[in-house]
Amino acid sequence: MKKILLISMVFMILLSGCIRYARADIPAEGTFHLALINNTNIDIYGYEVSYFQDGTPRGGSGGGQYADNSKIKKGETFTLEFDHVNFLPDKEVIFEISIFTNVNQMEKVTLKSPVITMISSMESTYYLNLTGNSVGDLEVN
């Protein structure tokens, strides 16, 4: 009986860890999300994303941070929403990502490699994994 109880408890704990991912974050009609996952070892206080099509700036996120200016911890996902009206249809999009490295958002670092993609579908979420141990070796994949 104790074995069954122990196995049941372990199973419940494992299932409770999956609940966080059971809810899908579905963007509103005509929008898409860019989800930035912080897997770095540096202090990140916010993000800014600019995007370009055909060599022309099309817009930006205007920046994103927590309301209390707290750090975005390792493992946390920060999501930015974009509207379809800001993009040319069937054209490649270049996203340039900058990271704020202090609480006042006075210091920012732009990733060396921009993210280049085709937006295949609105009502989608694109996940970008940020990695690096220092400001100089930040990467996105």
N, C-alpha and C. Protein backbone atom coordinates (compact mmCIF):
# COMPACT_ATOMS: atom_id res chain seq x y z
N MET A 1 0.82 -1.19 0.00
CA MET A 1 0.00 0.00 0.00
C MET A 1 0.86 1.25 0.00
N LYS A 2 1.96 1.22 0.78
CA LYS A 2 2.85 2.37 0.83
C LYS A 2 3.52 2.60 -0.52
N LYS A 3 3.84 1.51 -1.23
CA LYS A 3 4.45 1.64 -2.55
C LYS A 3 3.49 2.32 -3.53
N ILE A 4 2.25 1.92 -3.50
CA ILE A 4 1.26 2.50 -4.41
C ILE A 4 1.08 3.98 -4.10
N LEU A 5 1.03 4.32 -2.83
CA LEU A 5 0.90 5.71 -2.41
C LEU A 5 2.11 6.52 -2.86
N LEU A 6 3.31 5.98 -2.70
CA LEU A 6 4.53 6.67 -3.10
C LEU A 6 4.56 6.87 -4.61
N ILE A 7 4.22 5.84 -5.37
CA ILE A 7 4.19 5.95 -6.83
C ILE A 7 3.14 6.97 -7.27
N SER A 8 2.00 6.97 -6.61
CA SER A 8 0.95 7.94 -6.94
C SER A 8 1.41 9.37 -6.67
N MET A 9 2.10 9.57 -5.56
CA MET A 9 2.61 10.91 -5.21
C MET A 9 3.63 11.38 -6.25
N VAL A 10 4.55 10.51 -6.61
CA VAL A 10 5.57 10.87 -7.61
C VAL A 10 4.90 11.21 -8.94
N PHE A 11 3.93 10.41 -9.34
CA PHE A 11 3.20 10.65 -10.57
C PHE A 11 2.47 11.99 -10.53
N MET A 12 1.84 12.32 -9.42
CA MET A 12 1.13 13.59 -9.26
C MET A 12 2.09 14.77 -9.34
N ILE A 13 3.27 14.63 -8.74
CA ILE A 13 4.26 15.70 -8.78
C ILE A 13 4.73 15.93 -10.21
N LEU A 14 4.98 14.85 -10.92
CA LEU A 14 5.40 14.98 -12.32
C LEU A 14 4.33 15.64 -13.16
N LEU A 15 3.09 15.25 -12.96
CA LEU A 15 1.99 15.85 -13.72
C LEU A 15 1.79 17.31 -13.37
N SER A 16 1.98 17.68 -12.12
CA SER A 16 1.78 19.07 -11.73
C SER A 16 2.81 19.97 -12.40
N GLY A 17 4.00 19.47 -12.70
CA GLY A 17 5.00 20.24 -13.42
C GLY A 17 4.61 20.49 -14.86
N CYS A 18 3.76 19.67 -15.42
CA CYS A 18 3.34 19.82 -16.81
C CYS A 18 2.18 20.79 -16.97
N ILE A 19 1.50 21.10 -15.92
CA ILE A 19 0.33 21.98 -15.99
C ILE A 19 0.70 23.34 -16.53
N ARG A 20 1.88 23.84 -16.18
CA ARG A 20 2.33 25.15 -16.64
C ARG A 20 2.31 25.25 -18.15
N TYR A 21 2.60 24.16 -18.85
CA TYR A 21 2.70 24.18 -20.28
C TYR A 21 1.43 23.73 -20.98
N ALA A 22 0.43 23.38 -20.24
CA ALA A 22 -0.80 22.87 -20.83
C ALA A 22 -1.62 23.98 -21.49
N ARG A 23 -1.51 25.21 -20.98
CA ARG A 23 -2.28 26.32 -21.52
C ARG A 23 -1.52 26.96 -22.67
N ALA A 24 -2.11 26.99 -23.83
CA ALA A 24 -1.48 27.61 -24.98
C ALA A 24 -1.78 29.10 -24.98
N ASP A 25 -0.77 29.90 -25.27
CA ASP A 25 -0.95 31.33 -25.37
C ASP A 25 -1.23 31.66 -26.83
N ILE A 26 -2.50 31.81 -27.18
CA ILE A 26 -2.91 32.03 -28.56
C ILE A 26 -3.06 33.53 -28.79
N PRO A 27 -2.28 34.08 -29.75
CA PRO A 27 -2.39 35.50 -30.04
C PRO A 27 -3.75 35.87 -30.60
N ALA A 28 -4.12 37.13 -30.41
CA ALA A 28 -5.38 37.63 -30.95
C ALA A 28 -5.33 37.61 -32.48
N GLU A 29 -6.48 37.64 -33.09
CA GLU A 29 -6.56 37.60 -34.55
C GLU A 29 -5.76 38.74 -35.17
N GLY A 30 -4.94 38.42 -36.18
CA GLY A 30 -4.16 39.42 -36.89
C GLY A 30 -2.88 39.83 -36.18
N THR A 31 -2.51 39.13 -35.14
CA THR A 31 -1.28 39.44 -34.41
C THR A 31 -0.43 38.18 -34.29
N PHE A 32 0.81 38.38 -33.90
CA PHE A 32 1.64 37.25 -33.54
C PHE A 32 2.54 37.67 -32.39
N HIS A 33 3.02 36.68 -31.67
CA HIS A 33 3.87 36.92 -30.51
C HIS A 33 5.30 36.50 -30.80
N LEU A 34 6.22 37.26 -30.23
CA LEU A 34 7.63 36.91 -30.24
C LEU A 34 7.98 36.66 -28.78
N ALA A 35 8.22 35.40 -28.43
CA ALA A 35 8.49 35.02 -27.04
C ALA A 35 10.00 34.85 -26.87
N LEU A 36 10.59 35.68 -26.02
CA LEU A 36 12.02 35.65 -25.75
C LEU A 36 12.26 34.89 -24.46
N ILE A 37 13.00 33.80 -24.54
CA ILE A 37 13.27 32.96 -23.37
C ILE A 37 14.68 33.28 -22.88
N ASN A 38 14.78 33.77 -21.65
CA ASN A 38 16.07 34.15 -21.09
C ASN A 38 16.78 32.92 -20.53
N ASN A 39 17.78 32.45 -21.26
CA ASN A 39 18.64 31.38 -20.76
C ASN A 39 20.08 31.86 -20.69
N THR A 40 20.23 33.12 -20.28
CA THR A 40 21.56 33.73 -20.15
C THR A 40 21.97 33.76 -18.69
N ASN A 41 23.24 34.11 -18.50
CA ASN A 41 23.75 34.28 -17.15
C ASN A 41 24.06 35.74 -16.86
N ILE A 42 23.37 36.65 -17.55
CA ILE A 42 23.57 38.08 -17.31
C ILE A 42 22.28 38.69 -16.78
N ASP A 43 22.39 39.89 -16.24
CA ASP A 43 21.21 40.60 -15.74
C ASP A 43 20.47 41.22 -16.93
N ILE A 44 19.22 40.85 -17.10
CA ILE A 44 18.38 41.40 -18.16
C ILE A 44 17.18 42.07 -17.50
N TYR A 45 16.96 43.34 -17.87
CA TYR A 45 15.85 44.10 -17.30
C TYR A 45 14.77 44.43 -18.33
N GLY A 46 15.03 44.14 -19.59
CA GLY A 46 14.02 44.40 -20.61
C GLY A 46 14.56 44.13 -22.00
N TYR A 47 13.65 44.22 -22.97
CA TYR A 47 13.98 43.94 -24.36
C TYR A 47 13.45 45.06 -25.24
N GLU A 48 14.07 45.22 -26.39
CA GLU A 48 13.58 46.10 -27.43
C GLU A 48 13.80 45.38 -28.75
N VAL A 49 12.78 45.37 -29.59
CA VAL A 49 12.88 44.68 -30.87
C VAL A 49 12.51 45.66 -31.98
N SER A 50 13.41 45.80 -32.96
CA SER A 50 13.14 46.57 -34.17
C SER A 50 13.04 45.58 -35.32
N TYR A 51 12.22 45.91 -36.32
CA TYR A 51 12.10 44.99 -37.44
C TYR A 51 12.13 45.74 -38.76
N PHE A 52 12.66 45.03 -39.77
CA PHE A 52 12.92 45.61 -41.08
C PHE A 52 12.41 44.66 -42.16
N GLN A 53 11.96 45.24 -43.28
CA GLN A 53 11.60 44.47 -44.47
C GLN A 53 12.10 45.23 -45.69
N ASP A 54 12.69 44.52 -46.61
CA ASP A 54 13.26 45.13 -47.83
C ASP A 54 14.22 46.27 -47.49
N GLY A 55 14.98 46.12 -46.39
CA GLY A 55 15.95 47.13 -46.01
C GLY A 55 15.36 48.39 -45.38
N THR A 56 14.06 48.37 -45.14
CA THR A 56 13.37 49.54 -44.59
C THR A 56 12.88 49.25 -43.18
N PRO A 57 13.15 50.16 -42.22
CA PRO A 57 12.59 49.96 -40.87
C PRO A 57 11.07 49.98 -40.94
N ARG A 58 10.44 48.98 -40.33
CA ARG A 58 8.97 48.88 -40.35
C ARG A 58 8.37 49.21 -38.99
N GLY A 59 9.17 49.14 -37.92
CA GLY A 59 8.65 49.44 -36.60
C GLY A 59 9.47 48.77 -35.52
N GLY A 60 8.91 48.78 -34.32
CA GLY A 60 9.59 48.18 -33.19
C GLY A 60 8.63 47.92 -32.06
N SER A 61 9.14 47.25 -31.06
CA SER A 61 8.31 46.88 -29.92
C SER A 61 8.13 48.03 -28.95
N GLY A 62 9.00 49.04 -29.04
CA GLY A 62 8.94 50.13 -28.08
C GLY A 62 9.52 49.73 -26.74
N GLY A 63 10.01 48.53 -26.63
CA GLY A 63 10.61 48.05 -25.39
C GLY A 63 9.62 47.28 -24.54
N GLY A 64 10.14 46.43 -23.73
CA GLY A 64 9.30 45.65 -22.83
C GLY A 64 10.07 45.33 -21.58
N GLN A 65 9.41 45.50 -20.45
CA GLN A 65 10.01 45.18 -19.17
C GLN A 65 8.89 44.92 -18.17
N TYR A 66 9.27 44.43 -17.01
CA TYR A 66 8.29 44.24 -15.95
C TYR A 66 7.93 45.60 -15.34
N ALA A 67 6.70 45.75 -14.90
CA ALA A 67 6.22 47.02 -14.36
C ALA A 67 7.03 47.50 -13.16
N ASP A 68 7.57 46.57 -12.38
CA ASP A 68 8.34 46.96 -11.20
C ASP A 68 9.84 47.07 -11.49
N ASN A 69 10.22 47.02 -12.78
CA ASN A 69 11.62 47.10 -13.22
C ASN A 69 12.50 45.98 -12.68
N SER A 70 11.90 44.87 -12.31
CA SER A 70 12.69 43.75 -11.80
C SER A 70 13.36 43.01 -12.95
N LYS A 71 14.38 42.22 -12.61
CA LYS A 71 15.11 41.44 -13.60
C LYS A 71 14.23 40.37 -14.22
N ILE A 72 14.52 40.07 -15.47
CA ILE A 72 13.90 38.92 -16.12
C ILE A 72 14.84 37.76 -15.82
N LYS A 73 14.38 36.87 -14.99
CA LYS A 73 15.24 35.80 -14.48
C LYS A 73 15.50 34.73 -15.53
N LYS A 74 16.58 33.99 -15.29
CA LYS A 74 16.94 32.89 -16.18
C LYS A 74 15.78 31.89 -16.21
N GLY A 75 15.38 31.49 -17.41
CA GLY A 75 14.28 30.55 -17.57
C GLY A 75 12.94 31.22 -17.82
N GLU A 76 12.82 32.51 -17.56
CA GLU A 76 11.56 33.20 -17.77
C GLU A 76 11.38 33.58 -19.24
N THR A 77 10.13 33.61 -19.66
CA THR A 77 9.78 33.98 -21.03
C THR A 77 9.08 35.33 -21.00
N PHE A 78 9.53 36.22 -21.87
CA PHE A 78 8.93 37.55 -22.00
C PHE A 78 8.36 37.64 -23.41
N THR A 79 7.08 37.96 -23.53
CA THR A 79 6.40 37.92 -24.83
C THR A 79 6.05 39.33 -25.30
N LEU A 80 6.37 39.60 -26.57
CA LEU A 80 6.01 40.86 -27.22
C LEU A 80 5.00 40.56 -28.31
N GLU A 81 4.01 41.45 -28.48
CA GLU A 81 2.96 41.23 -29.47
C GLU A 81 3.13 42.21 -30.63
N PHE A 82 2.93 41.71 -31.84
CA PHE A 82 3.04 42.51 -33.05
C PHE A 82 1.76 42.37 -33.87
N ASP A 83 1.40 43.44 -34.57
CA ASP A 83 0.18 43.47 -35.37
C ASP A 83 0.52 43.30 -36.86
N HIS A 84 -0.32 42.59 -37.58
CA HIS A 84 -0.07 42.29 -38.99
C HIS A 84 0.01 43.54 -39.87
N VAL A 85 -0.65 44.62 -39.50
CA VAL A 85 -0.66 45.81 -40.35
C VAL A 85 0.72 46.45 -40.47
N ASN A 86 1.65 46.08 -39.60
CA ASN A 86 2.99 46.66 -39.64
C ASN A 86 3.95 45.90 -40.55
N PHE A 87 3.47 44.86 -41.22
CA PHE A 87 4.34 44.02 -42.03
C PHE A 87 3.85 43.94 -43.46
N LEU A 88 4.80 43.87 -44.39
CA LEU A 88 4.48 43.63 -45.79
C LEU A 88 4.22 42.13 -45.96
N PRO A 89 3.16 41.74 -46.64
CA PRO A 89 2.88 40.31 -46.79
C PRO A 89 3.93 39.63 -47.68
N ASP A 90 4.22 38.38 -47.36
CA ASP A 90 5.12 37.53 -48.16
C ASP A 90 6.52 38.11 -48.34
N LYS A 91 7.00 38.84 -47.35
CA LYS A 91 8.35 39.40 -47.39
C LYS A 91 9.12 38.94 -46.15
N GLU A 92 10.40 38.71 -46.33
CA GLU A 92 11.27 38.33 -45.23
C GLU A 92 11.33 39.46 -44.19
N VAL A 93 11.36 39.08 -42.92
CA VAL A 93 11.43 40.05 -41.82
C VAL A 93 12.74 39.85 -41.07
N ILE A 94 13.40 40.96 -40.77
CA ILE A 94 14.62 40.93 -39.97
C ILE A 94 14.30 41.57 -38.62
N PHE A 95 14.44 40.78 -37.54
CA PHE A 95 14.23 41.28 -36.19
C PHE A 95 15.58 41.56 -35.55
N GLU A 96 15.77 42.78 -35.09
CA GLU A 96 16.98 43.16 -34.37
C GLU A 96 16.61 43.27 -32.89
N ILE A 97 17.26 42.46 -32.07
CA ILE A 97 16.91 42.37 -30.65
C ILE A 97 17.96 43.05 -29.80
N SER A 98 17.51 43.95 -28.92
CA SER A 98 18.38 44.61 -27.96
C SER A 98 17.95 44.23 -26.56
N ILE A 99 18.93 44.15 -25.68
CA ILE A 99 18.69 43.75 -24.29
C ILE A 99 19.15 44.86 -23.37
N PHE A 100 18.28 45.25 -22.43
CA PHE A 100 18.65 46.25 -21.43
C PHE A 100 19.34 45.54 -20.27
N THR A 101 20.53 46.02 -19.92
CA THR A 101 21.33 45.33 -18.90
C THR A 101 21.40 46.06 -17.57
N ASN A 102 20.61 47.14 -17.42
CA ASN A 102 20.53 47.77 -16.10
C ASN A 102 19.09 48.19 -15.83
N VAL A 103 18.80 48.43 -14.58
CA VAL A 103 17.42 48.68 -14.15
C VAL A 103 16.84 49.96 -14.77
N ASN A 104 17.67 50.95 -15.06
CA ASN A 104 17.19 52.22 -15.63
C ASN A 104 17.04 52.18 -17.14
N GLN A 105 17.38 51.06 -17.74
CA GLN A 105 17.33 50.86 -19.18
C GLN A 105 18.15 51.91 -19.92
N MET A 106 19.27 52.29 -19.33
CA MET A 106 20.19 53.23 -19.97
C MET A 106 21.27 52.50 -20.76
N GLU A 107 21.52 51.25 -20.42
CA GLU A 107 22.54 50.47 -21.11
C GLU A 107 21.83 49.34 -21.87
N LYS A 108 22.07 49.29 -23.18
CA LYS A 108 21.48 48.20 -23.94
C LYS A 108 22.52 47.62 -24.87
N VAL A 109 22.35 46.33 -25.14
CA VAL A 109 23.24 45.58 -26.00
C VAL A 109 22.38 45.01 -27.12
N THR A 110 22.80 45.24 -28.36
CA THR A 110 22.09 44.67 -29.50
C THR A 110 22.79 43.39 -29.91
N LEU A 111 22.03 42.32 -30.06
CA LEU A 111 22.60 41.04 -30.47
C LEU A 111 23.26 41.19 -31.83
N LYS A 112 24.42 40.57 -31.96
CA LYS A 112 25.21 40.67 -33.20
C LYS A 112 24.45 40.10 -34.40
N SER A 113 23.77 39.00 -34.19
CA SER A 113 23.06 38.34 -35.29
C SER A 113 21.56 38.61 -35.18
N PRO A 114 20.98 39.29 -36.17
CA PRO A 114 19.53 39.48 -36.14
C PRO A 114 18.82 38.17 -36.46
N VAL A 115 17.54 38.11 -36.17
CA VAL A 115 16.72 36.95 -36.48
C VAL A 115 16.02 37.24 -37.80
N ILE A 116 16.22 36.37 -38.78
CA ILE A 116 15.64 36.55 -40.11
C ILE A 116 14.64 35.42 -40.35
N THR A 117 13.40 35.80 -40.71
CA THR A 117 12.37 34.79 -40.89
C THR A 117 11.28 35.30 -41.82
N MET A 118 10.46 34.41 -42.25
CA MET A 118 9.22 34.74 -42.94
C MET A 118 8.12 34.53 -41.90
N ILE A 119 7.22 35.46 -41.80
CA ILE A 119 6.11 35.28 -40.88
C ILE A 119 5.08 34.45 -41.61
N SER A 120 5.07 33.17 -41.28
CA SER A 120 4.22 32.25 -42.01
C SER A 120 2.76 32.38 -41.62
N SER A 121 2.52 32.81 -40.42
CA SER A 121 1.13 32.85 -39.98
C SER A 121 0.96 33.85 -38.86
N MET A 122 -0.04 34.68 -38.99
CA MET A 122 -0.42 35.47 -37.84
C MET A 122 -1.13 34.50 -36.90
N GLU A 123 -1.44 34.93 -35.73
CA GLU A 123 -1.98 34.05 -34.70
C GLU A 123 -0.99 32.94 -34.36
N SER A 124 0.31 33.26 -34.39
CA SER A 124 1.37 32.31 -34.05
C SER A 124 2.26 32.91 -32.97
N THR A 125 3.01 32.05 -32.33
CA THR A 125 4.02 32.49 -31.37
C THR A 125 5.36 31.94 -31.82
N TYR A 126 6.34 32.82 -31.97
CA TYR A 126 7.70 32.44 -32.34
C TYR A 126 8.55 32.49 -31.08
N TYR A 127 9.18 31.37 -30.75
CA TYR A 127 9.99 31.27 -29.54
C TYR A 127 11.46 31.45 -29.89
N LEU A 128 12.12 32.37 -29.19
CA LEU A 128 13.55 32.61 -29.38
C LEU A 128 14.26 32.37 -28.06
N ASN A 129 15.27 31.54 -28.09
CA ASN A 129 16.03 31.18 -26.90
C ASN A 129 17.31 32.03 -26.85
N LEU A 130 17.42 32.89 -25.82
CA LEU A 130 18.61 33.72 -25.65
C LEU A 130 19.59 33.01 -24.75
N THR A 131 20.84 32.89 -25.21
CA THR A 131 21.87 32.22 -24.43
C THR A 131 23.12 33.08 -24.36
N GLY A 132 23.98 32.78 -23.39
CA GLY A 132 25.25 33.47 -23.25
C GLY A 132 25.63 33.63 -21.79
N ASN A 133 26.93 33.68 -21.55
CA ASN A 133 27.43 33.85 -20.18
C ASN A 133 27.87 35.29 -19.90
N SER A 134 28.03 36.08 -20.96
CA SER A 134 28.41 37.48 -20.81
C SER A 134 27.77 38.29 -21.93
N VAL A 135 27.81 39.61 -21.79
CA VAL A 135 27.21 40.48 -22.78
C VAL A 135 27.85 40.25 -24.15
N GLY A 136 29.12 39.96 -24.19
CA GLY A 136 29.82 39.79 -25.45
C GLY A 136 29.49 38.53 -26.23
N ASP A 137 28.94 37.52 -25.57
CA ASP A 137 28.66 36.26 -26.28
C ASP A 137 27.17 35.91 -26.32
N LEU A 138 26.31 36.91 -26.30
CA LEU A 138 24.87 36.67 -26.40
C LEU A 138 24.51 36.14 -27.77
N GLU A 139 23.65 35.12 -27.78
CA GLU A 139 23.17 34.52 -29.02
C GLU A 139 21.70 34.23 -28.91
N VAL A 140 21.07 34.10 -30.04
CA VAL A 140 19.66 33.70 -30.08
C VAL A 140 19.53 32.51 -31.02
N ASN A 141 18.75 31.53 -30.60
CA ASN A 141 18.49 30.37 -31.44
C ASN A 141 17.10 29.84 -31.17
